[in-house]
C-alpha atoms as a PDB file:
ATOM      1  CA  MET A   1      21.915 -44.219  77.958  1.00  0.00           C
ATOM      2  CA  SER A   2      24.264 -43.764  74.663  1.00  0.00           C
ATOM      3  CA  LYS A   3      24.776 -40.829  72.526  1.00  0.00           C
ATOM      4  CA  ALA A   4      23.127 -43.057  69.799  1.00  0.00           C
ATOM      5  CA  GLN A   5      20.450 -43.954  72.006  1.00  0.00           C
ATOM      6  CA  ILE A   6      19.795 -40.152  72.798  1.00  0.00           C
ATOM      7  CA  LEU A   7      20.310 -39.314  69.341  1.00  0.00           C
ATOM      8  CA  GLU A   8      17.948 -41.673  67.715  1.00  0.00           C
ATOM      9  CA  GLN A   9      15.219 -40.816  70.612  1.00  0.00           C
ATOM     10  CA  VAL A  10      15.778 -36.949  70.365  1.00  0.00           C
ATOM     11  CA  TRP A  11      16.678 -36.113  67.086  1.00  0.00           C
ATOM     12  CA  ARG A  12      15.232 -39.395  65.119  1.00  0.00           C
ATOM     13  CA  TYR A  13      17.682 -42.148  63.173  1.00  0.00           C
ATOM     14  CA  ASP A  14      17.561 -39.359  60.501  1.00  0.00           C
ATOM     15  CA  PHE A  15      19.902 -36.777  62.325  1.00  0.00           C
ATOM     16  CA  ASN A  16      23.205 -35.822  60.123  1.00  0.00           C
ATOM     17  CA  GLY A  17      24.601 -33.761  63.403  1.00  0.00           C
ATOM     18  CA  ASP A  18      27.942 -34.312  65.271  1.00  0.00           C
ATOM     19  CA  THR A  19      27.214 -36.742  68.232  1.00  0.00           C
ATOM     20  CA  SER A  20      28.891 -33.220  70.474  1.00  0.00           C
ATOM     21  CA  ILE A  21      25.424 -31.803  70.140  1.00  0.00           C
ATOM     22  CA  VAL A  22      24.613 -34.382  72.917  1.00  0.00           C
ATOM     23  CA  ASP A  23      27.535 -33.261  75.339  1.00  0.00           C
ATOM     24  CA  THR A  24      26.300 -29.893  74.698  1.00  0.00           C
ATOM     25  CA  TYR A  25      22.838 -30.216  76.026  1.00  0.00           C
ATOM     26  CA  ILE A  26      23.484 -32.500  78.667  1.00  0.00           C
ATOM     27  CA  SER A  27      25.948 -30.005  79.731  1.00  0.00           C
ATOM     28  CA  SER A  28      22.952 -27.276  79.851  1.00  0.00           C
ATOM     29  CA  LEU A  29      20.863 -29.483  81.357  1.00  0.00           C
ATOM     30  CA  ARG A  30      23.371 -30.437  84.241  1.00  0.00           C
ATOM     31  CA  ARG A  31      23.438 -26.224  84.633  1.00  0.00           C
ATOM     32  CA  LYS A  32      19.998 -26.471  85.166  1.00  0.00           C
ATOM     33  CA  VAL A  33      18.726 -29.635  87.733  1.00  0.00           C
ATOM     34  CA  ASP A  34      22.555 -30.359  89.001  1.00  0.00           C
ATOM     35  CA  ASP A  35      23.183 -27.302  90.211  1.00  0.00           C
ATOM     36  CA  ALA A  36      22.785 -28.349  93.805  1.00  0.00           C
ATOM     37  CA  GLU A  37      23.751 -31.853  95.740  1.00  0.00           C
ATOM     38  CA  PRO A  38      23.167 -34.931  95.252  1.00  0.00           C
ATOM     39  CA  LYS A  39      23.562 -34.722  91.714  1.00  0.00           C
ATOM     40  CA  LEU A  40      21.183 -36.630  89.319  1.00  0.00           C
ATOM     41  CA  ILE A  41      22.764 -37.052  85.535  1.00  0.00           C
ATOM     42  CA  HIS A  42      25.764 -38.896  85.759  1.00  0.00           C
ATOM     43  CA  THR A  43      28.779 -39.930  82.784  1.00  0.00           C
ATOM     44  CA  VAL A  44      29.121 -43.317  82.674  1.00  0.00           C
ATOM     45  CA  HIS A  45      32.193 -43.453  81.047  1.00  0.00           C
ATOM     46  CA  GLY A  46      32.488 -45.319  77.494  1.00  0.00           C
ATOM     47  CA  VAL A  47      28.813 -45.915  77.360  1.00  0.00           C
ATOM     48  CA  GLY A  48      26.803 -42.155  77.594  1.00  0.00           C
ATOM     49  CA  TYR A  49      25.023 -41.121  80.627  1.00  0.00           C
ATOM     50  CA  VAL A  50      22.085 -42.106  83.737  1.00  0.00           C
ATOM     51  CA  LEU A  51      19.902 -40.566  85.608  1.00  0.00           C
ATOM     52  CA  ARG A  52      20.262 -41.198  89.145  1.00  0.00           C
ATOM     53  CA  ALA A  53      17.420 -40.770  91.730  1.00  0.00           C
ATOM     54  CA  PRO A  54      19.319 -39.500  95.338  1.00  0.00           C
ATOM     55  CA  LYS A  55      19.197 -41.797  98.163  1.00  0.00           C
ATOM     56  CA  PRO A  56      16.960 -41.203 100.749  1.00  0.00           C
END
């Protein structure tokens, strides 16, 4: 998902804040759910973020 998609889905279209809020919340989520391997949240440079299920 792109930052714009996350902002639209979480804060709705009328959000007038800074898009860096997404980075802040992604960082917080990573500390909570990605404290061990395998990592679930991945950055797609130039696009946004993706959740990837661990490979069995």
